[in-house]
Amino acid sequence: MDINKLREEIAADEGRRNEVYLCSESKRTVGIGHLITADDPEWPMEVGDTITDERIDELFDTDIATTLEDCRIIFSNFEAMPEEAQRVFANMAFQLGRYRLSAFKRSIKYANEGAWQECSEEILDSKWSRQTPNRAERLSNRLAALSVPV
């Protein structure tokens, strides 16, 4: 997989912010969509506090590695999927996290079967799709395109 392309896609969706902010679920976030956890040195920071560009890059590197590992756990054949599907699911895993993406049972089943059209439709039937409709639609369309003969 082209990791740089994945990084660009996720950064475009998430944005890049040096200051701590509240995400759509009112959780403290910083950098490129990094949810601040108790394990982070940023844990005591308040909304508006800032981190360096170097720290953003460190967090993003770690988050991408975690995201890809999560995808390997969730999808039985992640490495064998078309690269486009890998990037779509990695984008979803980055935003949702392993626990919430794992709840997409039918989508995962369709993805593991290579049933891209069915998977593209199924991911739209979710709370996630209603919360971030533009991103969900865009990712769904990318999966649907995999089912079209070349």
C-alpha atoms as a PDB file:
ATOM      1  CA  MET A   1       0.000   0.000   0.000  1.00  0.00           C
ATOM      2  CA  ASP A   2       1.124   3.515  -0.746  1.00  0.00           C
ATOM      3  CA  ILE A   3       1.394   4.791   2.838  1.00  0.00           C
ATOM      4  CA  ASN A   4       2.080   8.341   1.714  1.00  0.00           C
ATOM      5  CA  LYS A   5      -1.171   8.392  -0.252  1.00  0.00           C
ATOM      6  CA  LEU A   6      -3.019   7.020   2.782  1.00  0.00           C
ATOM      7  CA  ARG A   7      -1.453   9.694   4.977  1.00  0.00           C
ATOM      8  CA  GLU A   8      -2.482  12.429   2.511  1.00  0.00           C
ATOM      9  CA  GLU A   9      -6.067  11.160   2.343  1.00  0.00           C
ATOM     10  CA  ILE A  10      -6.465  10.938   6.109  1.00  0.00           C
ATOM     11  CA  ALA A  11      -4.808  14.316   6.693  1.00  0.00           C
ATOM     12  CA  ALA A  12      -7.159  15.881   4.125  1.00  0.00           C
ATOM     13  CA  ASP A  13     -10.182  14.400   5.941  1.00  0.00           C
ATOM     14  CA  GLU A  14      -8.997  15.133   9.473  1.00  0.00           C
ATOM     15  CA  GLY A  15      -7.178  18.416   9.034  1.00  0.00           C
ATOM     16  CA  ARG A  16      -4.044  19.396  10.959  1.00  0.00           C
ATOM     17  CA  ARG A  17      -4.244  21.464  14.108  1.00  0.00           C
ATOM     18  CA  ASN A  18      -1.517  22.384  16.556  1.00  0.00           C
ATOM     19  CA  GLU A  19      -4.043  23.371  19.203  1.00  0.00           C
ATOM     20  CA  VAL A  20      -6.105  21.017  21.323  1.00  0.00           C
ATOM     21  CA  TYR A  21      -9.753  21.096  20.245  1.00  0.00           C
ATOM     22  CA  LEU A  22     -12.966  19.205  20.885  1.00  0.00           C
ATOM     23  CA  CYS A  23     -13.959  16.734  18.178  1.00  0.00           C
ATOM     24  CA  SER A  24     -17.566  16.164  17.097  1.00  0.00           C
ATOM     25  CA  GLU A  25     -18.021  13.916  20.141  1.00  0.00           C
ATOM     26  CA  SER A  26     -16.615  16.571  22.514  1.00  0.00           C
ATOM     27  CA  LYS A  27     -13.372  14.684  23.153  1.00  0.00           C
ATOM     28  CA  ARG A  28     -10.040  16.459  23.319  1.00  0.00           C
ATOM     29  CA  THR A  29      -8.172  15.993  20.062  1.00  0.00           C
ATOM     30  CA  VAL A  30      -4.975  17.403  18.578  1.00  0.00           C
ATOM     31  CA  GLY A  31      -2.811  17.149  15.486  1.00  0.00           C
ATOM     32  CA  ILE A  32      -4.275  15.052  12.692  1.00  0.00           C
ATOM     33  CA  GLY A  33      -7.351  13.663  14.411  1.00  0.00           C
ATOM     34  CA  HIS A  34      -5.447  12.279  17.404  1.00  0.00           C
ATOM     35  CA  LEU A  35      -7.789  11.552  20.302  1.00  0.00           C
ATOM     36  CA  ILE A  36      -5.880  12.429  23.468  1.00  0.00           C
ATOM     37  CA  THR A  37      -5.755   9.504  25.911  1.00  0.00           C
ATOM     38  CA  ALA A  38      -4.474   9.147  29.468  1.00  0.00           C
ATOM     39  CA  ASP A  39      -1.315   7.537  28.047  1.00  0.00           C
ATOM     40  CA  ASP A  40      -0.403  10.693  26.113  1.00  0.00           C
ATOM     41  CA  PRO A  41       1.805  13.434  27.551  1.00  0.00           C
ATOM     42  CA  GLU A  42      -0.884  15.795  26.213  1.00  0.00           C
ATOM     43  CA  TRP A  43      -3.440  14.374  28.689  1.00  0.00           C
ATOM     44  CA  PRO A  44      -3.292  17.368  31.077  1.00  0.00           C
ATOM     45  CA  MET A  45      -3.611  19.877  28.204  1.00  0.00           C
ATOM     46  CA  GLU A  46      -6.710  22.004  27.856  1.00  0.00           C
ATOM     47  CA  VAL A  47      -8.539  23.137  24.737  1.00  0.00           C
ATOM     48  CA  GLY A  48      -6.428  25.839  23.063  1.00  0.00           C
ATOM     49  CA  ASP A  49      -3.069  24.536  24.321  1.00  0.00           C
ATOM     50  CA  THR A  50      -0.629  23.787  21.495  1.00  0.00           C
ATOM     51  CA  ILE A  51       1.866  21.134  20.451  1.00  0.00           C
ATOM     52  CA  THR A  52       4.739  21.287  17.951  1.00  0.00           C
ATOM     53  CA  ASP A  53       4.648  20.172  14.325  1.00  0.00           C
ATOM     54  CA  GLU A  54       7.179  17.493  15.228  1.00  0.00           C
ATOM     55  CA  ARG A  55       4.838  16.102  17.882  1.00  0.00           C
ATOM     56  CA  ILE A  56       1.945  16.089  15.404  1.00  0.00           C
ATOM     57  CA  ASP A  57       4.073  14.002  13.035  1.00  0.00           C
ATOM     58  CA  GLU A  58       5.039  11.588  15.848  1.00  0.00           C
ATOM     59  CA  LEU A  59       1.407  11.115  16.848  1.00  0.00           C
ATOM     60  CA  PHE A  60       0.333  10.638  13.234  1.00  0.00           C
ATOM     61  CA  ASP A  61       3.041   8.019  12.607  1.00  0.00           C
ATOM     62  CA  THR A  62       1.894   6.067  15.662  1.00  0.00           C
ATOM     63  CA  ASP A  63      -1.788   6.445  14.780  1.00  0.00           C
ATOM     64  CA  ILE A  64      -1.216   5.210  11.194  1.00  0.00           C
ATOM     65  CA  ALA A  65       0.682   2.158  12.470  1.00  0.00           C
ATOM     66  CA  THR A  66      -2.125   1.403  14.947  1.00  0.00           C
ATOM     67  CA  THR A  67      -4.738   1.878  12.239  1.00  0.00           C
ATOM     68  CA  LEU A  68      -3.063  -0.595   9.899  1.00  0.00           C
ATOM     69  CA  GLU A  69      -2.673  -3.154  12.680  1.00  0.00           C
ATOM     70  CA  ASP A  70      -6.352  -2.713  13.555  1.00  0.00           C
ATOM     71  CA  CYS A  71      -7.289  -3.378   9.917  1.00  0.00           C
ATOM     72  CA  ARG A  72      -5.217  -6.572   9.911  1.00  0.00           C
ATOM     73  CA  ILE A  73      -7.116  -7.700  13.010  1.00  0.00           C
ATOM     74  CA  ILE A  74     -10.586  -6.757  11.722  1.00  0.00           C
ATOM     75  CA  PHE A  75     -10.298  -8.020   8.138  1.00  0.00           C
ATOM     76  CA  SER A  76      -9.169 -11.609   7.611  1.00  0.00           C
ATOM     77  CA  ASN A  77      -7.594 -10.834   4.228  1.00  0.00           C
ATOM     78  CA  PHE A  78      -6.676  -7.170   4.566  1.00  0.00           C
ATOM     79  CA  GLU A  79      -3.271  -7.533   2.880  1.00  0.00           C
ATOM     80  CA  ALA A  80      -4.832  -9.317  -0.126  1.00  0.00           C
ATOM     81  CA  MET A  81      -7.509  -6.664  -0.720  1.00  0.00           C
ATOM     82  CA  PRO A  82      -7.136  -4.164  -3.552  1.00  0.00           C
ATOM     83  CA  GLU A  83      -5.108  -1.185  -2.394  1.00  0.00           C
ATOM     84  CA  GLU A  84      -8.094   1.124  -2.827  1.00  0.00           C
ATOM     85  CA  ALA A  85     -10.117  -1.008  -0.382  1.00  0.00           C
ATOM     86  CA  GLN A  86      -7.196  -1.079   2.056  1.00  0.00           C
ATOM     87  CA  ARG A  87      -7.006   2.715   2.045  1.00  0.00           C
ATOM     88  CA  VAL A  88     -10.781   3.077   2.463  1.00  0.00           C
ATOM     89  CA  PHE A  89     -10.864   0.738   5.455  1.00  0.00           C
ATOM     90  CA  ALA A  90      -7.762   2.322   6.960  1.00  0.00           C
ATOM     91  CA  ASN A  91      -9.446   5.721   6.639  1.00  0.00           C
ATOM     92  CA  MET A  92     -12.516   4.369   8.420  1.00  0.00           C
ATOM     93  CA  ALA A  93     -10.409   2.665  11.102  1.00  0.00           C
ATOM     94  CA  PHE A  94      -8.478   5.878  11.701  1.00  0.00           C
ATOM     95  CA  GLN A  95     -11.678   7.825  12.289  1.00  0.00           C
ATOM     96  CA  LEU A  96     -13.698   5.174  14.116  1.00  0.00           C
ATOM     97  CA  GLY A  97     -11.082   3.111  15.928  1.00  0.00           C
ATOM     98  CA  ARG A  98     -10.947  -0.674  16.009  1.00  0.00           C
ATOM     99  CA  TYR A  99     -13.811  -1.161  18.450  1.00  0.00           C
ATOM    100  CA  ARG A 100     -16.378   0.871  16.501  1.00  0.00           C
ATOM    101  CA  LEU A 101     -15.270  -0.351  13.063  1.00  0.00           C
ATOM    102  CA  SER A 102     -15.509  -3.937  14.342  1.00  0.00           C
ATOM    103  CA  ALA A 103     -19.243  -3.354  14.870  1.00  0.00           C
ATOM    104  CA  PHE A 104     -19.721  -3.104  11.066  1.00  0.00           C
ATOM    105  CA  LYS A 105     -20.259  -6.899  10.940  1.00  0.00           C
ATOM    106  CA  ARG A 106     -22.006  -7.158   7.562  1.00  0.00           C
ATOM    107  CA  SER A 107     -19.616  -4.665   5.973  1.00  0.00           C
ATOM    108  CA  ILE A 108     -16.655  -6.688   7.209  1.00  0.00           C
ATOM    109  CA  LYS A 109     -18.228  -9.905   5.911  1.00  0.00           C
ATOM    110  CA  TYR A 110     -18.795  -8.361   2.468  1.00  0.00           C
ATOM    111  CA  ALA A 111     -15.276  -6.927   2.418  1.00  0.00           C
ATOM    112  CA  ASN A 112     -13.736 -10.289   3.284  1.00  0.00           C
ATOM    113  CA  GLU A 113     -15.739 -11.811   0.407  1.00  0.00           C
ATOM    114  CA  GLY A 114     -14.713  -9.072  -2.028  1.00  0.00           C
ATOM    115  CA  ALA A 115     -18.375  -8.043  -2.432  1.00  0.00           C
ATOM    116  CA  TRP A 116     -17.499  -4.387  -2.897  1.00  0.00           C
ATOM    117  CA  GLN A 117     -20.899  -3.097  -4.054  1.00  0.00           C
ATOM    118  CA  GLU A 118     -22.676  -4.692  -1.101  1.00  0.00           C
ATOM    119  CA  CYS A 119     -19.994  -3.417   1.271  1.00  0.00           C
ATOM    120  CA  SER A 120     -20.250   0.099  -0.168  1.00  0.00           C
ATOM    121  CA  GLU A 121     -24.004   0.113   0.449  1.00  0.00           C
ATOM    122  CA  GLU A 122     -23.707  -1.418   3.902  1.00  0.00           C
ATOM    123  CA  ILE A 123     -21.262   1.162   5.284  1.00  0.00           C
ATOM    124  CA  LEU A 124     -23.815   3.868   4.498  1.00  0.00           C
ATOM    125  CA  ASP A 125     -26.342   2.187   6.796  1.00  0.00           C
ATOM    126  CA  SER A 126     -24.657   3.428   9.958  1.00  0.00           C
ATOM    127  CA  LYS A 127     -24.557   6.135  12.592  1.00  0.00           C
ATOM    128  CA  TRP A 128     -21.072   6.983  11.285  1.00  0.00           C
ATOM    129  CA  SER A 129     -22.516   7.728   7.837  1.00  0.00           C
ATOM    130  CA  ARG A 130     -25.131  10.024   9.332  1.00  0.00           C
ATOM    131  CA  GLN A 131     -22.492  11.844  11.427  1.00  0.00           C
ATOM    132  CA  THR A 132     -19.977  12.314   8.590  1.00  0.00           C
ATOM    133  CA  PRO A 133     -22.068  11.939   5.431  1.00  0.00           C
ATOM    134  CA  ASN A 134     -19.621  13.468   2.952  1.00  0.00           C
ATOM    135  CA  ARG A 135     -16.720  11.278   4.047  1.00  0.00           C
ATOM    136  CA  ALA A 136     -18.909   8.174   4.206  1.00  0.00           C
ATOM    137  CA  GLU A 137     -20.342   8.789   0.731  1.00  0.00           C
ATOM    138  CA  ARG A 138     -16.903   9.401  -0.758  1.00  0.00           C
ATOM    139  CA  LEU A 139     -15.477   6.226   0.787  1.00  0.00           C
ATOM    140  CA  SER A 140     -18.557   4.223  -0.195  1.00  0.00           C
ATOM    141  CA  ASN A 141     -18.201   5.369  -3.810  1.00  0.00           C
ATOM    142  CA  ARG A 142     -14.569   4.272  -3.839  1.00  0.00           C
ATOM    143  CA  LEU A 143     -15.595   0.776  -2.748  1.00  0.00           C
ATOM    144  CA  ALA A 144     -18.450   0.630  -5.263  1.00  0.00           C
ATOM    145  CA  ALA A 145     -16.005   1.516  -8.054  1.00  0.00           C
ATOM    146  CA  LEU A 146     -14.067  -1.679  -7.277  1.00  0.00           C
ATOM    147  CA  SER A 147     -17.057  -3.756  -8.390  1.00  0.00           C
ATOM    148  CA  VAL A 148     -17.145  -2.149 -11.844  1.00  0.00           C
ATOM    149  CA  PRO A 149     -15.311  -4.239 -14.470  1.00  0.00           C
ATOM    150  CA  VAL A 150     -12.277  -2.502 -15.914  1.00  0.00           C
END
